[in-house]
Amino acid sequence: MIIKLLFFASYQDIAGSSEQSIDLPDASTVDDASAWLVDRFPNFAEALPKGRVAVNLEFAEPSQSLADGDEVAFMPPVSGG
């Protein structure tokens, strides 16, 4: 299945782009997409646990299943007030 990964703020710097389409096996999860990122961009190993993930504009847990065409957004923590 093809999913689109979206990267925001410092995660764009790590990935080298704001988005990327990837092919994952059927029945993959958010955790599988995260593992794909860490495999290709090792700097995500330290960064991802600090941020949030959303699937199709809704916050998601690592165990959430993905479907063909989903958009998975990776967002680093933000500060400010």
C-alpha atoms as a PDB file:
ATOM      1  CA  MET A   1       0.000   0.000   0.000  1.00  0.00           C
ATOM      2  CA  ILE A   2       1.158   3.535  -0.678  1.00  0.00           C
ATOM      3  CA  ILE A   3       1.055   6.072   2.139  1.00  0.00           C
ATOM      4  CA  LYS A   4       2.201   9.680   2.211  1.00  0.00           C
ATOM      5  CA  LEU A   5       4.499  10.824   4.983  1.00  0.00           C
ATOM      6  CA  LEU A   6       4.401  14.513   5.914  1.00  0.00           C
ATOM      7  CA  PHE A   7       7.196  16.165   7.904  1.00  0.00           C
ATOM      8  CA  PHE A   8       7.001  19.400   9.856  1.00  0.00           C
ATOM      9  CA  ALA A   9       9.610  21.788  11.311  1.00  0.00           C
ATOM     10  CA  SER A  10      12.842  20.042  12.345  1.00  0.00           C
ATOM     11  CA  TYR A  11      11.570  16.711  10.987  1.00  0.00           C
ATOM     12  CA  GLN A  12      11.739  18.251   7.496  1.00  0.00           C
ATOM     13  CA  ASP A  13      15.436  18.879   8.081  1.00  0.00           C
ATOM     14  CA  ILE A  14      16.038  15.251   9.046  1.00  0.00           C
ATOM     15  CA  ALA A  15      14.075  13.856   6.081  1.00  0.00           C
ATOM     16  CA  GLY A  16      15.369  16.428   3.623  1.00  0.00           C
ATOM     17  CA  SER A  17      11.846  17.174   2.363  1.00  0.00           C
ATOM     18  CA  SER A  18       8.353  18.027   3.575  1.00  0.00           C
ATOM     19  CA  GLU A  19       6.744  14.851   2.237  1.00  0.00           C
ATOM     20  CA  GLN A  20       7.482  11.444   0.824  1.00  0.00           C
ATOM     21  CA  SER A  21       5.355   8.597  -0.517  1.00  0.00           C
ATOM     22  CA  ILE A  22       6.352   5.112   0.571  1.00  0.00           C
ATOM     23  CA  ASP A  23       5.178   1.562  -0.088  1.00  0.00           C
ATOM     24  CA  LEU A  24       4.429  -0.503   3.023  1.00  0.00           C
ATOM     25  CA  PRO A  25       2.975  -4.007   3.311  1.00  0.00           C
ATOM     26  CA  ASP A  26      -0.762  -4.368   3.896  1.00  0.00           C
ATOM     27  CA  ALA A  27      -1.752  -4.293   7.580  1.00  0.00           C
ATOM     28  CA  SER A  28       1.117  -1.932   8.461  1.00  0.00           C
ATOM     29  CA  THR A  29       0.826   0.403  11.438  1.00  0.00           C
ATOM     30  CA  VAL A  30       2.071   3.846  12.421  1.00  0.00           C
ATOM     31  CA  ASP A  31       4.892   2.052  14.217  1.00  0.00           C
ATOM     32  CA  ASP A  32       5.881   0.352  10.935  1.00  0.00           C
ATOM     33  CA  ALA A  33       6.010   3.735   9.181  1.00  0.00           C
ATOM     34  CA  SER A  34       8.169   5.070  12.021  1.00  0.00           C
ATOM     35  CA  ALA A  35      10.494   2.077  11.721  1.00  0.00           C
ATOM     36  CA  TRP A  36      10.783   2.732   7.971  1.00  0.00           C
ATOM     37  CA  LEU A  37      11.877   6.301   8.774  1.00  0.00           C
ATOM     38  CA  VAL A  38      14.457   5.255  11.350  1.00  0.00           C
ATOM     39  CA  ASP A  39      15.861   2.666   8.939  1.00  0.00           C
ATOM     40  CA  ARG A  40      16.394   5.293   6.227  1.00  0.00           C
ATOM     41  CA  PHE A  41      17.106   8.324   8.412  1.00  0.00           C
ATOM     42  CA  PRO A  42      18.810   7.156  11.667  1.00  0.00           C
ATOM     43  CA  ASN A  43      18.471  10.622  13.261  1.00  0.00           C
ATOM     44  CA  PHE A  44      14.737   9.934  13.601  1.00  0.00           C
ATOM     45  CA  ALA A  45      15.516   7.270  16.241  1.00  0.00           C
ATOM     46  CA  GLU A  46      16.077   9.952  18.863  1.00  0.00           C
ATOM     47  CA  ALA A  47      13.641  12.533  17.459  1.00  0.00           C
ATOM     48  CA  LEU A  48      10.420  10.564  16.894  1.00  0.00           C
ATOM     49  CA  PRO A  49       9.664   9.606  20.516  1.00  0.00           C
ATOM     50  CA  LYS A  50       9.543  13.309  21.404  1.00  0.00           C
ATOM     51  CA  GLY A  51       6.952  14.263  18.784  1.00  0.00           C
ATOM     52  CA  ARG A  52       3.404  13.398  17.745  1.00  0.00           C
ATOM     53  CA  VAL A  53       1.949  11.518  14.805  1.00  0.00           C
ATOM     54  CA  ALA A  54      -1.358  12.097  13.060  1.00  0.00           C
ATOM     55  CA  VAL A  55      -3.100   9.927  10.489  1.00  0.00           C
ATOM     56  CA  ASN A  56      -5.457  11.754   8.167  1.00  0.00           C
ATOM     57  CA  LEU A  57      -5.468  14.846  10.425  1.00  0.00           C
ATOM     58  CA  GLU A  58      -6.193  12.962  13.673  1.00  0.00           C
ATOM     59  CA  PHE A  59      -3.623  12.171  16.359  1.00  0.00           C
ATOM     60  CA  ALA A  60      -2.669   8.500  16.276  1.00  0.00           C
ATOM     61  CA  GLU A  61      -1.083   5.866  18.482  1.00  0.00           C
ATOM     62  CA  PRO A  62       1.816   3.711  17.256  1.00  0.00           C
ATOM     63  CA  SER A  63      -0.445   0.657  16.981  1.00  0.00           C
ATOM     64  CA  GLN A  64      -2.962   2.349  14.663  1.00  0.00           C
ATOM     65  CA  SER A  65      -3.459   0.472  11.399  1.00  0.00           C
ATOM     66  CA  LEU A  66      -2.806   2.234   8.118  1.00  0.00           C
ATOM     67  CA  ALA A  67      -4.668   1.940   4.841  1.00  0.00           C
ATOM     68  CA  ASP A  68      -3.695   2.621   1.261  1.00  0.00           C
ATOM     69  CA  GLY A  69      -3.690   6.353   0.614  1.00  0.00           C
ATOM     70  CA  ASP A  70      -3.378   7.452   4.253  1.00  0.00           C
ATOM     71  CA  GLU A  71      -1.412  10.583   5.141  1.00  0.00           C
ATOM     72  CA  VAL A  72       0.842  10.167   8.155  1.00  0.00           C
ATOM     73  CA  ALA A  73       2.111  13.446   9.611  1.00  0.00           C
ATOM     74  CA  PHE A  74       5.165  13.544  11.874  1.00  0.00           C
ATOM     75  CA  MET A  75       5.312  16.633  14.116  1.00  0.00           C
ATOM     76  CA  PRO A  76       8.122  17.498  16.514  1.00  0.00           C
ATOM     77  CA  PRO A  77       7.340  18.989  19.916  1.00  0.00           C
ATOM     78  CA  VAL A  78       6.706  22.710  19.973  1.00  0.00           C
ATOM     79  CA  SER A  79       7.181  25.239  22.726  1.00  0.00           C
ATOM     80  CA  GLY A  80       5.976  28.726  23.286  1.00  0.00           C
ATOM     81  CA  GLY A  81       2.986  30.364  24.670  1.00  0.00           C
END
